[in-house]
Amino acid sequence: MSATTPAARRAADKRHPGRVARNTAIFSVATAFSRVAGLGREITAATLFGTRPTASAFTLAFQIPNLVANLFANAALSAAFVPVFTDLLHQGKRREAFQLASTLLWIMLIALAAITAFFVLLAGVIMPLFLASHLSSIPGITSLTVLLSQILFPVVLLLGLTSLFTGILQSFERFTMAAVAPAIWNLVIIALTLYLHPTYAHSNNGIEAYAIAILAATAVQMLLVMGALARIDFRLSFHIDWHNPRVRQVLGLLLPVTIGLGIVNLDQLINSAFGGLVGAQVPRAIDQAFRIYMLPQGIFSVAVATVLFPTLSRMAAQHDPVGMRRALAIGMRQINLMLIPAAAFLMVLATPVIRLVYQHGQFTSYSTHLASIALIWFAASLPFGGLNLLLTRTFFALQRPWIPTGLAALNMTIDAIVSLGFYKPFGISGLILGTLAGNVVMTVLQLRRLRTGFNGRLDGAQTLMITARVLIASAFMAFVSWLVWRILYDILGGSVPAQIVEVCGAAAAGGWLYMKTVLRMKIPEAYQVQEMLIGRFRR
């Protein structure tokens, strides 16, 4: 692959004004498939395990290694690595870029293996710290949580290596495998859980089968992403260059990036750990609602941020603030265009959605009640969480990671204070209210800081005007969606086939009306999506 000059790259960007929209849409489709598969995994888990205390034990046992993976590797490492790696490619230093990747690979292999061993050996000391009274008082739950965490901690090492491989692919704007591999991950988990569950069903409701399936699927995912590197002729070097200044640069960026991107996982852990103060079933119910919340988040905001990140990094390397402002503003409007209506829909139809998706087998009507309350408040924070993801990535592209790091720390502080202050009078609602408050504050402060950095210019007026139109269209859509669901429910009743028709009918009617409304309101990003879809169908 020959090096591309900065002028050629800028010219290519100008010749393709819809490039970001098209790449985002393609990545969204692939990610949507992954999220649907993930939803199937959650349905399987809900059917087999419900919101029993053993399922809450699994939730905490999985969230701890998942948090560690995000803090020491995973998205954090990718976000710290991509700007530096992309800069080397931009300068035509392909050999140096691959030497950097190889050195980081071996450093990660050593460091993450040590971290994994540490947590596995000390799980008996660490895990009980996160069990609140409603869980720790149940016989056998503490030992089960420790066992599950020991099974799951090796995912830290596997996810770290996967993250580095993914970062290399994204720097070459190869997004397909990064989006498809999680779908395969989910499918492997479903198959292995169903296969192993009868073997373990005699104890702890068979929850150990789920943990083993996740570990095996994570290894499969890593191998798939590693195999995709062959398409860019990535060759691993078997030595560590400790004196490479680029390695120190990446590691220097890693700590602030870690805190900035770890906020979602830490917030999830806070909600689950504090949920044990409300009830033994609450941690699992919150986690199930969070999975629904992450469906539109993953399809839209993660897609926008993932596709834009290498572009923003390249523009930062080229010292192109005008291009960065334009790309960022478009990304923000795309996120609002998709996440605000998704939030409105989930808020008005939280209970029907949770009931349709989860209320089978061991997942009872009371479980639906608990998860629905959490989903309403999660949905309210959905647009802010999406914007935060993109804004944080923008700071990373500028290699100014300490700014979102400080704001992320403030976010976590607000979340913990609000959650502890409101969980007694408001229960689950009080816990998730902390998430909403923290996300709102972080969005406002990140926008303010970026606006200052871009000399007060961030296309704010246009973005605000379009967002106001989106809010109006979303409110109209939410009312019509609820009305259609209510009519269908009164006619068809509550059987599973009826629920499918009711929820899908409400979503189809509301979605059709929303698209018609935003197109009539002449929102540019809506036209970009329409033109992309029409172009795809005509091919």
Protein backbone atom coordinates (compact mmCIF):
# COMPACT_ATOMS: atom_id res chain seq x y z
CA MET A 1 0.00 0.00 0.00
CA SER A 2 1.54 3.25 -1.08
CA ALA A 3 1.60 6.27 1.16
CA THR A 4 -1.01 8.92 0.46
CA THR A 5 -0.01 12.57 0.62
CA PRO A 6 -1.91 15.01 2.86
CA ALA A 7 -3.03 16.98 -0.19
CA ALA A 8 -4.40 13.86 -1.82
CA ARG A 9 -6.26 12.91 1.33
CA ARG A 10 -7.81 16.38 1.63
CA ALA A 11 -8.82 16.27 -2.02
CA ALA A 12 -10.38 12.85 -1.52
CA ASP A 13 -12.38 14.16 1.44
CA LYS A 14 -13.66 17.08 -0.61
CA ARG A 15 -14.64 14.84 -3.53
CA HIS A 16 -16.71 12.68 -1.19
CA PRO A 17 -18.78 14.99 1.08
CA GLY A 18 -21.08 12.08 2.00
CA ARG A 19 -18.19 9.77 2.84
CA VAL A 20 -18.66 9.95 6.61
CA ALA A 21 -22.39 9.35 6.28
CA ARG A 22 -21.87 6.35 4.00
CA ASN A 23 -19.13 4.80 6.15
CA THR A 24 -21.24 5.38 9.24
CA ALA A 25 -24.27 3.76 7.63
CA ILE A 26 -22.27 0.72 6.48
CA PHE A 27 -20.70 0.33 9.92
CA SER A 28 -24.12 0.83 11.52
CA VAL A 29 -25.62 -2.02 9.50
CA ALA A 30 -22.80 -4.37 10.49
CA THR A 31 -22.99 -3.20 14.09
CA ALA A 32 -26.79 -3.57 14.06
CA PHE A 33 -26.36 -7.23 13.17
CA SER A 34 -23.94 -7.59 16.09
CA ARG A 35 -26.36 -5.87 18.45
CA VAL A 36 -29.26 -8.05 17.34
CA ALA A 37 -27.09 -11.09 18.03
CA GLY A 38 -26.27 -9.54 21.41
CA LEU A 39 -29.95 -9.12 22.08
CA GLY A 40 -30.39 -12.80 21.32
CA ARG A 41 -27.68 -13.56 23.86
CA GLU A 42 -29.46 -11.48 26.50
CA ILE A 43 -32.80 -13.12 25.73
CA THR A 44 -31.17 -16.52 26.16
CA ALA A 45 -29.63 -15.48 29.48
CA ALA A 46 -32.86 -13.91 30.72
CA THR A 47 -34.85 -17.02 29.83
CA LEU A 48 -32.41 -19.36 31.57
CA PHE A 49 -31.43 -17.25 34.59
CA GLY A 50 -33.99 -14.41 35.00
CA THR A 51 -33.11 -11.87 37.69
CA ARG A 52 -32.37 -14.41 40.41
CA PRO A 53 -29.60 -13.62 42.92
CA THR A 54 -27.30 -15.99 41.01
CA ALA A 55 -27.82 -13.85 37.90
CA SER A 56 -27.00 -10.72 39.92
CA ALA A 57 -23.83 -12.47 41.13
CA PHE A 58 -22.88 -13.12 37.51
CA THR A 59 -23.56 -9.47 36.62
CA LEU A 60 -21.05 -8.23 39.18
CA ALA A 61 -18.57 -11.02 38.41
CA PHE A 62 -18.60 -10.03 34.72
CA GLN A 63 -18.57 -6.27 35.20
CA ILE A 64 -15.37 -6.24 37.26
CA PRO A 65 -13.13 -7.93 34.61
CA ASN A 66 -14.98 -6.01 31.90
CA LEU A 67 -14.14 -2.76 33.68
CA VAL A 68 -10.51 -3.81 34.11
CA ALA A 69 -10.35 -4.71 30.42
CA ASN A 70 -11.59 -1.26 29.48
CA LEU A 71 -9.29 0.46 31.91
CA PHE A 72 -6.10 -1.33 30.89
CA ALA A 73 -6.90 -2.28 27.31
CA ASN A 74 -9.89 -2.62 25.02
CA ALA A 75 -11.29 0.71 23.74
CA ALA A 76 -8.89 2.75 25.86
CA LEU A 77 -5.78 1.26 24.27
CA SER A 78 -7.29 1.60 20.81
CA ALA A 79 -8.13 5.26 21.41
CA ALA A 80 -4.60 6.00 22.65
CA PHE A 81 -2.95 3.95 19.90
CA VAL A 82 -4.91 5.03 16.79
CA PRO A 83 -3.88 8.75 16.72
CA VAL A 84 -0.17 7.88 17.04
CA PHE A 85 -0.35 4.96 14.59
CA THR A 86 -2.37 7.05 12.11
CA ASP A 87 0.13 9.90 12.35
CA LEU A 88 2.97 7.54 11.38
CA LEU A 89 0.97 6.22 8.42
CA HIS A 90 0.16 9.80 7.41
CA GLN A 91 3.89 10.54 7.31
CA GLY A 92 4.49 7.46 5.15
CA LYS A 93 6.34 5.64 7.96
CA ARG A 94 4.61 2.28 7.56
CA ARG A 95 7.57 0.25 8.85
CA GLU A 96 7.85 2.38 12.00
CA ALA A 97 4.09 2.12 12.53
CA PHE A 98 4.21 -1.67 12.46
CA GLN A 99 7.23 -1.72 14.78
CA LEU A 100 5.21 0.37 17.24
CA ALA A 101 2.29 -2.07 17.02
CA SER A 102 4.56 -5.08 17.54
CA THR A 103 6.25 -3.57 20.59
CA LEU A 104 2.91 -2.66 22.15
CA LEU A 105 1.64 -6.17 21.49
CA TRP A 106 4.41 -7.78 23.53
CA ILE A 107 4.17 -5.19 26.30
CA MET A 108 0.45 -5.83 26.54
CA LEU A 109 0.89 -9.57 26.50
CA ILE A 110 3.23 -9.39 29.50
CA ALA A 111 1.36 -6.69 31.44
CA LEU A 112 -2.17 -7.98 30.92
CA ALA A 113 -1.17 -11.55 31.71
CA ALA A 114 0.24 -10.31 35.03
CA ILE A 115 -2.92 -8.28 35.77
CA THR A 116 -5.11 -11.27 34.94
CA ALA A 117 -3.11 -13.56 37.23
CA PHE A 118 -3.26 -10.98 40.03
CA PHE A 119 -7.05 -10.69 39.91
CA VAL A 120 -7.62 -14.42 39.58
CA LEU A 121 -5.48 -15.11 42.66
CA LEU A 122 -7.06 -12.30 44.74
CA ALA A 123 -10.66 -12.65 43.55
CA GLY A 124 -11.63 -13.97 46.97
CA VAL A 125 -10.56 -10.65 48.50
CA ILE A 126 -11.68 -8.27 45.73
CA MET A 127 -15.14 -9.50 44.75
CA PRO A 128 -16.82 -9.44 48.21
CA LEU A 129 -16.12 -5.69 48.33
CA PHE A 130 -18.74 -5.14 45.61
CA LEU A 131 -21.51 -7.25 47.15
CA ALA A 132 -24.10 -5.16 48.98
CA SER A 133 -26.10 -6.50 51.90
CA HIS A 134 -29.03 -7.88 49.91
CA LEU A 135 -26.66 -10.16 48.00
CA SER A 136 -23.89 -10.99 50.46
CA SER A 137 -26.43 -12.22 53.02
CA ILE A 138 -27.65 -14.99 50.68
CA PRO A 139 -25.78 -18.29 51.33
CA GLY A 140 -23.38 -19.28 48.57
CA ILE A 141 -23.60 -16.03 46.59
CA THR A 142 -20.20 -14.70 47.66
CA SER A 143 -18.35 -17.91 46.72
CA LEU A 144 -20.26 -18.10 43.43
CA THR A 145 -19.33 -14.51 42.55
CA VAL A 146 -15.66 -15.28 43.23
CA LEU A 147 -15.75 -18.43 41.07
CA LEU A 148 -17.46 -16.69 38.15
CA SER A 149 -14.98 -13.81 38.26
CA GLN A 150 -12.05 -16.24 38.14
CA ILE A 151 -13.52 -17.86 35.04
CA LEU A 152 -14.07 -14.48 33.40
CA PHE A 153 -10.89 -12.56 34.31
CA PRO A 154 -8.82 -14.00 31.39
CA VAL A 155 -11.03 -11.96 29.03
CA VAL A 156 -8.91 -8.98 30.14
CA LEU A 157 -5.91 -10.35 28.23
CA LEU A 158 -7.95 -11.49 25.23
CA LEU A 159 -9.83 -8.20 24.88
CA GLY A 160 -6.60 -6.22 25.16
CA LEU A 161 -5.01 -8.02 22.23
CA THR A 162 -8.24 -7.75 20.24
CA SER A 163 -8.30 -4.01 20.85
CA LEU A 164 -4.80 -3.51 19.45
CA PHE A 165 -5.62 -5.55 16.34
CA THR A 166 -8.85 -3.58 15.89
CA GLY A 167 -7.00 -0.27 16.22
CA ILE A 168 -4.64 -1.30 13.41
CA LEU A 169 -7.57 -2.20 11.16
CA GLN A 170 -9.42 1.04 11.93
CA SER A 171 -6.34 3.10 11.11
CA PHE A 172 -6.55 1.61 7.61
CA GLU A 173 -10.29 2.38 7.64
CA ARG A 174 -11.16 -1.33 7.74
CA PHE A 175 -14.27 -1.38 9.94
CA THR A 176 -16.13 -4.50 8.81
CA MET A 177 -14.42 -7.12 10.97
CA ALA A 178 -14.54 -4.85 14.02
CA ALA A 179 -18.32 -4.75 13.61
CA VAL A 180 -18.91 -8.37 12.55
CA ALA A 181 -16.67 -10.11 15.12
CA PRO A 182 -18.91 -9.15 18.09
CA ALA A 183 -21.87 -10.77 16.28
CA ILE A 184 -19.95 -14.02 16.03
CA TRP A 185 -18.94 -13.57 19.68
CA ASN A 186 -22.60 -13.39 20.67
CA LEU A 187 -23.61 -16.36 18.51
CA VAL A 188 -20.84 -18.53 20.00
CA ILE A 189 -22.00 -17.57 23.52
CA ILE A 190 -25.60 -18.52 22.73
CA ALA A 191 -24.61 -21.88 21.25
CA LEU A 192 -22.18 -22.81 24.04
CA THR A 193 -24.50 -21.67 26.82
CA LEU A 194 -27.34 -23.81 25.49
CA TYR A 195 -24.95 -26.74 25.04
CA LEU A 196 -23.31 -26.50 28.48
CA HIS A 197 -26.31 -25.45 30.57
CA PRO A 198 -27.69 -28.99 31.13
CA THR A 199 -24.30 -30.04 32.50
CA TYR A 200 -24.27 -27.29 35.14
CA ALA A 201 -28.03 -26.93 35.72
CA HIS A 202 -27.90 -28.95 38.97
CA SER A 203 -26.06 -26.13 40.79
CA ASN A 204 -26.44 -22.35 40.85
CA ASN A 205 -29.06 -22.47 38.10
CA GLY A 206 -26.34 -23.36 35.57
CA ILE A 207 -24.86 -19.86 35.56
CA GLU A 208 -21.30 -21.25 35.28
CA ALA A 209 -22.09 -22.37 31.73
CA TYR A 210 -22.69 -18.75 30.75
CA ALA A 211 -19.31 -17.64 32.11
CA ILE A 212 -17.42 -20.43 30.32
CA ALA A 213 -19.20 -19.61 27.05
CA ILE A 214 -18.19 -15.93 27.29
CA LEU A 215 -14.53 -16.83 27.85
CA ALA A 216 -14.46 -19.20 24.87
CA ALA A 217 -16.26 -16.74 22.60
CA THR A 218 -13.81 -13.96 23.49
CA ALA A 219 -10.94 -16.16 22.33
CA VAL A 220 -12.76 -16.84 19.04
CA GLN A 221 -13.32 -13.09 18.54
CA MET A 222 -9.63 -12.34 19.03
CA LEU A 223 -8.63 -14.96 16.45
CA LEU A 224 -11.09 -13.53 13.89
CA VAL A 225 -9.78 -9.97 14.23
CA MET A 226 -6.18 -11.19 14.17
CA GLY A 227 -6.89 -13.07 10.94
CA ALA A 228 -8.20 -9.89 9.29
CA LEU A 229 -4.74 -8.31 9.66
CA ALA A 230 -3.53 -10.47 6.78
CA ARG A 231 -5.45 -8.20 4.39
CA ILE A 232 -3.17 -5.27 5.20
CA ASP A 233 -0.04 -7.44 5.28
CA PHE A 234 0.64 -6.80 8.96
CA ARG A 235 3.77 -8.64 10.05
CA LEU A 236 4.56 -9.19 13.70
CA SER A 237 8.08 -8.41 14.89
CA PHE A 238 9.40 -10.61 17.70
CA HIS A 239 11.22 -8.01 19.73
CA ILE A 240 10.43 -5.15 22.09
CA ASP A 241 11.86 -1.71 21.36
CA TRP A 242 11.81 -0.17 24.84
CA HIS A 243 13.44 3.02 23.56
CA ASN A 244 10.80 3.76 20.91
CA PRO A 245 9.51 7.28 21.73
CA ARG A 246 6.18 6.46 20.08
CA VAL A 247 5.65 3.65 22.59
CA ARG A 248 6.11 6.12 25.44
CA GLN A 249 3.73 8.50 23.67
CA VAL A 250 0.99 5.85 23.47
CA LEU A 251 1.52 4.75 27.06
CA GLY A 252 1.44 8.39 28.13
CA LEU A 253 -1.91 8.83 26.44
CA LEU A 254 -3.26 5.57 27.85
CA LEU A 255 -3.95 6.68 31.43
CA PRO A 256 -6.17 9.68 30.66
CA VAL A 257 -7.86 7.85 27.79
CA THR A 258 -8.50 4.94 30.15
CA ILE A 259 -10.39 7.12 32.60
CA GLY A 260 -12.25 8.94 29.85
CA LEU A 261 -13.55 5.82 28.10
CA GLY A 262 -13.96 3.73 31.25
CA ILE A 263 -16.79 5.96 32.43
CA VAL A 264 -19.55 3.87 30.83
CA ASN A 265 -18.33 0.66 32.42
CA LEU A 266 -17.68 2.28 35.77
CA ASP A 267 -21.11 3.86 35.69
CA GLN A 268 -22.61 0.43 34.98
CA LEU A 269 -20.69 -1.05 37.90
CA ILE A 270 -21.85 1.75 40.21
CA ASN A 271 -25.47 1.11 39.24
CA SER A 272 -25.17 -2.64 39.77
CA ALA A 273 -23.22 -2.43 43.03
CA PHE A 274 -25.59 0.16 44.50
CA GLY A 275 -28.51 -1.85 43.11
CA GLY A 276 -27.70 -4.48 45.70
CA LEU A 277 -28.72 -1.90 48.30
CA VAL A 278 -32.22 -1.82 46.81
CA GLY A 279 -32.80 -5.55 46.30
CA ALA A 280 -31.14 -8.83 45.35
CA GLN A 281 -32.73 -8.86 41.89
CA VAL A 282 -32.02 -5.21 41.09
CA PRO A 283 -28.40 -5.52 39.81
CA ARG A 284 -29.43 -8.01 37.13
CA ALA A 285 -32.57 -6.02 36.22
CA ILE A 286 -30.50 -2.87 35.75
CA ASP A 287 -28.01 -4.77 33.61
CA GLN A 288 -30.79 -6.13 31.38
CA ALA A 289 -32.19 -2.60 30.90
CA PHE A 290 -28.67 -1.36 30.15
CA ARG A 291 -28.39 -3.89 27.31
CA ILE A 292 -31.50 -2.44 25.66
CA TYR A 293 -30.08 1.06 26.18
CA MET A 294 -26.84 0.02 24.49
CA LEU A 295 -28.64 -1.29 21.40
CA PRO A 296 -29.29 2.13 19.77
CA GLN A 297 -26.14 3.46 21.43
CA GLY A 298 -24.02 0.81 19.75
CA ILE A 299 -25.75 0.97 16.38
CA PHE A 300 -25.61 4.76 15.99
CA SER A 301 -23.27 6.67 18.31
CA VAL A 302 -20.56 4.01 18.46
CA ALA A 303 -20.73 3.75 14.66
CA VAL A 304 -20.40 7.52 14.20
CA ALA A 305 -17.55 7.81 16.71
CA THR A 306 -15.70 4.78 15.30
CA VAL A 307 -15.90 5.96 11.70
CA LEU A 308 -15.02 9.57 12.52
CA PHE A 309 -12.15 8.84 14.90
CA PRO A 310 -9.47 8.01 12.28
CA THR A 311 -10.71 10.95 10.18
CA LEU A 312 -10.49 13.35 13.11
CA SER A 313 -7.04 11.97 14.00
CA ARG A 314 -5.85 12.52 10.43
CA MET A 315 -7.26 16.06 10.36
CA ALA A 316 -5.57 16.81 13.67
CA ALA A 317 -2.25 15.55 12.24
CA GLN A 318 -2.81 17.79 9.20
CA HIS A 319 -3.65 20.80 11.43
CA ASP A 320 -7.04 21.16 9.75
CA PRO A 321 -9.35 22.75 12.40
CA VAL A 322 -11.95 23.73 9.81
CA GLY A 323 -12.33 20.14 8.67
CA MET A 324 -12.46 18.89 12.27
CA ARG A 325 -15.18 21.38 13.21
CA ARG A 326 -17.27 20.38 10.22
CA ALA A 327 -16.81 16.63 10.79
CA LEU A 328 -17.57 16.95 14.51
CA ALA A 329 -20.72 19.03 13.92
CA ILE A 330 -22.00 16.55 11.34
CA GLY A 331 -21.32 13.67 13.72
CA MET A 332 -23.19 15.38 16.57
CA ARG A 333 -26.20 16.06 14.37
CA GLN A 334 -26.19 12.46 13.11
CA ILE A 335 -26.17 11.18 16.68
CA ASN A 336 -29.04 13.48 17.69
CA LEU A 337 -30.99 12.53 14.58
CA MET A 338 -30.92 8.87 15.59
CA LEU A 339 -30.68 8.78 19.39
CA ILE A 340 -33.30 11.37 20.37
CA PRO A 341 -36.17 9.48 18.67
CA ALA A 342 -34.79 6.18 19.99
CA ALA A 343 -34.82 7.65 23.51
CA ALA A 344 -38.38 8.93 23.11
CA PHE A 345 -39.60 5.55 21.84
CA LEU A 346 -37.98 3.62 24.71
CA MET A 347 -39.33 6.02 27.32
CA VAL A 348 -42.98 5.65 26.27
CA LEU A 349 -42.81 1.92 25.51
CA ALA A 350 -40.29 0.70 28.11
CA THR A 351 -42.56 -1.93 29.62
CA PRO A 352 -43.78 -3.44 26.31
CA VAL A 353 -40.20 -3.60 25.02
CA ILE A 354 -38.82 -5.26 28.17
CA ARG A 355 -41.76 -7.67 28.31
CA LEU A 356 -41.34 -8.71 24.67
CA VAL A 357 -37.57 -9.11 24.86
CA TYR A 358 -37.06 -10.68 28.26
CA GLN A 359 -40.25 -11.97 29.91
CA HIS A 360 -39.79 -15.66 29.14
CA GLY A 361 -38.79 -18.62 31.29
CA GLN A 362 -37.18 -17.43 34.54
CA PHE A 363 -37.73 -13.72 33.76
CA THR A 364 -40.97 -12.88 35.59
CA SER A 365 -43.43 -9.97 35.42
CA TYR A 366 -41.73 -8.52 38.51
CA SER A 367 -38.40 -8.67 36.68
CA THR A 368 -40.05 -6.76 33.82
CA HIS A 369 -41.29 -4.14 36.27
CA LEU A 370 -37.81 -3.57 37.71
CA ALA A 371 -36.06 -3.45 34.33
CA SER A 372 -38.69 -1.12 32.83
CA ILE A 373 -38.10 1.50 35.50
CA ALA A 374 -34.37 1.41 34.80
CA LEU A 375 -34.89 1.59 31.02
CA ILE A 376 -37.00 4.76 31.21
CA TRP A 377 -34.18 6.64 32.94
CA PHE A 378 -31.45 5.07 30.83
CA ALA A 379 -33.36 6.20 27.72
CA ALA A 380 -33.43 9.77 28.99
CA SER A 381 -29.62 9.80 29.11
CA LEU A 382 -29.21 8.10 25.70
CA PRO A 383 -28.48 11.19 23.53
CA PHE A 384 -26.08 12.63 26.12
CA GLY A 385 -24.17 9.35 26.34
CA GLY A 386 -23.86 9.25 22.55
CA LEU A 387 -22.58 12.81 22.31
CA ASN A 388 -20.10 12.21 25.12
CA LEU A 389 -18.61 9.29 23.24
CA LEU A 390 -17.98 11.40 20.13
CA LEU A 391 -16.77 14.47 22.04
CA THR A 392 -14.35 12.38 24.12
CA ARG A 393 -12.95 10.81 20.95
CA THR A 394 -12.42 14.28 19.52
CA PHE A 395 -10.17 15.22 22.43
CA PHE A 396 -8.29 11.94 21.94
CA ALA A 397 -7.81 12.73 18.24
CA LEU A 398 -6.32 16.08 19.29
CA GLN A 399 -4.11 14.17 21.76
CA ARG A 400 -5.57 16.25 24.59
CA PRO A 401 -6.88 13.35 26.68
CA TRP A 402 -6.56 14.94 30.11
CA ILE A 403 -9.46 17.29 29.44
CA PRO A 404 -12.14 14.56 29.12
CA THR A 405 -10.34 12.65 31.87
CA GLY A 406 -11.03 15.40 34.38
CA LEU A 407 -14.60 15.71 33.17
CA ALA A 408 -15.06 11.94 33.39
CA ALA A 409 -13.90 12.03 37.01
CA LEU A 410 -16.48 14.76 37.66
CA ASN A 411 -19.10 12.62 35.89
CA MET A 412 -18.35 9.64 38.14
CA THR A 413 -18.47 11.83 41.25
CA ILE A 414 -21.85 13.29 40.31
CA ASP A 415 -23.17 9.83 39.46
CA ALA A 416 -22.11 8.35 42.82
CA ILE A 417 -23.40 11.29 44.87
CA VAL A 418 -26.78 11.44 43.15
CA SER A 419 -27.20 7.65 43.22
CA LEU A 420 -26.41 7.42 46.94
CA GLY A 421 -28.61 10.42 47.69
CA PHE A 422 -31.67 9.22 45.81
CA TYR A 423 -31.70 5.41 45.93
CA LYS A 424 -33.55 5.29 49.27
CA PRO A 425 -36.53 7.50 48.36
CA PHE A 426 -36.70 6.57 44.66
CA GLY A 427 -35.18 3.07 44.41
CA ILE A 428 -34.00 2.12 40.91
CA SER A 429 -35.04 5.52 39.51
CA GLY A 430 -32.70 7.25 41.94
CA LEU A 431 -29.78 5.06 40.86
CA ILE A 432 -30.17 5.74 37.13
CA LEU A 433 -30.87 9.41 37.81
CA GLY A 434 -27.20 9.60 38.78
CA THR A 435 -26.24 8.33 35.32
CA LEU A 436 -28.43 10.97 33.66
CA ALA A 437 -27.09 13.81 35.79
CA GLY A 438 -23.46 12.86 35.20
CA ASN A 439 -23.93 12.52 31.41
CA VAL A 440 -25.71 15.86 31.08
CA VAL A 441 -23.00 17.72 32.99
CA MET A 442 -20.20 16.04 31.03
CA THR A 443 -21.84 16.83 27.66
CA VAL A 444 -22.25 20.51 28.51
CA LEU A 445 -18.69 20.89 29.81
CA GLN A 446 -17.09 19.02 26.89
CA LEU A 447 -18.98 21.17 24.38
CA ARG A 448 -17.94 24.31 26.22
CA ARG A 449 -14.27 23.27 26.27
CA LEU A 450 -14.24 22.29 22.58
CA ARG A 451 -15.97 25.51 21.62
CA THR A 452 -13.23 27.46 23.40
CA GLY A 453 -10.55 25.36 21.69
CA PHE A 454 -12.08 26.04 18.27
CA ASN A 455 -12.22 29.80 18.94
CA GLY A 456 -15.93 29.81 19.70
CA ARG A 457 -16.91 28.16 16.42
CA LEU A 458 -18.55 24.75 16.52
CA ASP A 459 -21.57 25.19 14.23
CA GLY A 460 -23.55 25.52 17.43
CA ALA A 461 -26.41 27.57 16.02
CA GLN A 462 -27.10 25.14 13.19
CA THR A 463 -26.76 22.12 15.48
CA LEU A 464 -29.12 23.67 18.04
CA MET A 465 -31.69 24.53 15.37
CA ILE A 466 -31.64 21.02 13.90
CA THR A 467 -31.75 19.44 17.37
CA ALA A 468 -34.88 21.47 18.18
CA ARG A 469 -36.53 20.13 15.03
CA VAL A 470 -35.49 16.60 15.93
CA LEU A 471 -37.02 17.02 19.41
CA ILE A 472 -40.35 18.13 17.94
CA ALA A 473 -40.39 15.28 15.44
CA SER A 474 -39.42 12.79 18.17
CA ALA A 475 -42.21 13.93 20.50
CA PHE A 476 -44.72 13.51 17.68
CA MET A 477 -43.25 10.09 16.85
CA ALA A 478 -43.39 8.94 20.48
CA PHE A 479 -47.07 9.85 20.82
CA VAL A 480 -48.02 8.07 17.59
CA SER A 481 -45.93 5.00 18.54
CA TRP A 482 -47.66 4.73 21.90
CA LEU A 483 -51.08 5.24 20.31
CA VAL A 484 -50.48 2.52 17.70
CA TRP A 485 -49.21 0.14 20.38
CA ARG A 486 -52.23 0.84 22.60
CA ILE A 487 -54.70 0.21 19.78
CA LEU A 488 -52.97 -3.01 18.73
CA TYR A 489 -52.72 -4.21 22.33
CA ASP A 490 -56.43 -3.68 22.93
CA ILE A 491 -57.19 -5.68 19.79
CA LEU A 492 -54.59 -8.47 19.94
CA GLY A 493 -53.86 -8.97 23.65
CA GLY A 494 -50.65 -10.08 25.34
CA SER A 495 -49.50 -13.29 23.65
CA VAL A 496 -45.90 -13.36 22.37
CA PRO A 497 -46.89 -13.20 18.66
CA ALA A 498 -49.24 -10.33 19.50
CA GLN A 499 -46.48 -8.50 21.38
CA ILE A 500 -44.20 -8.81 18.35
CA VAL A 501 -46.86 -7.26 16.11
CA GLU A 502 -47.66 -4.55 18.64
CA VAL A 503 -44.10 -3.37 19.36
CA CYS A 504 -42.88 -3.75 15.77
CA GLY A 505 -46.02 -2.08 14.45
CA ALA A 506 -45.56 0.85 16.82
CA ALA A 507 -41.88 1.14 15.86
CA ALA A 508 -42.64 0.96 12.13
CA ALA A 509 -45.42 3.56 12.31
CA GLY A 510 -43.39 5.89 14.50
CA GLY A 511 -40.21 5.45 12.46
CA TRP A 512 -41.99 6.09 9.15
CA LEU A 513 -43.66 9.20 10.54
CA TYR A 514 -40.37 10.44 12.02
CA MET A 515 -38.44 10.12 8.76
CA LYS A 516 -41.21 11.86 6.85
CA THR A 517 -41.23 14.66 9.41
CA VAL A 518 -37.46 15.29 9.50
CA LEU A 519 -37.29 15.22 5.70
CA ARG A 520 -40.13 17.75 5.51
CA MET A 521 -38.22 19.85 8.05
CA LYS A 522 -35.27 19.81 5.60
CA ILE A 523 -32.71 18.39 8.00
CA PRO A 524 -29.51 17.84 5.92
CA GLU A 525 -28.37 14.72 7.78
CA ALA A 526 -31.75 13.08 7.09
CA TYR A 527 -31.25 13.68 3.38
CA GLN A 528 -27.76 12.17 3.60
CA VAL A 529 -29.22 8.98 5.08
CA GLN A 530 -32.00 8.91 2.46
CA GLU A 531 -29.59 9.39 -0.44
CA MET A 532 -27.28 6.69 0.91
CA LEU A 533 -30.14 4.20 1.24
CA ILE A 534 -31.55 4.98 -2.21
CA GLY A 535 -28.09 4.62 -3.73
CA ARG A 536 -27.60 1.24 -2.05
CA PHE A 537 -30.95 -0.12 -3.26
CA ARG A 538 -30.33 1.05 -6.83
CA ARG A 539 -27.05 -0.87 -7.10
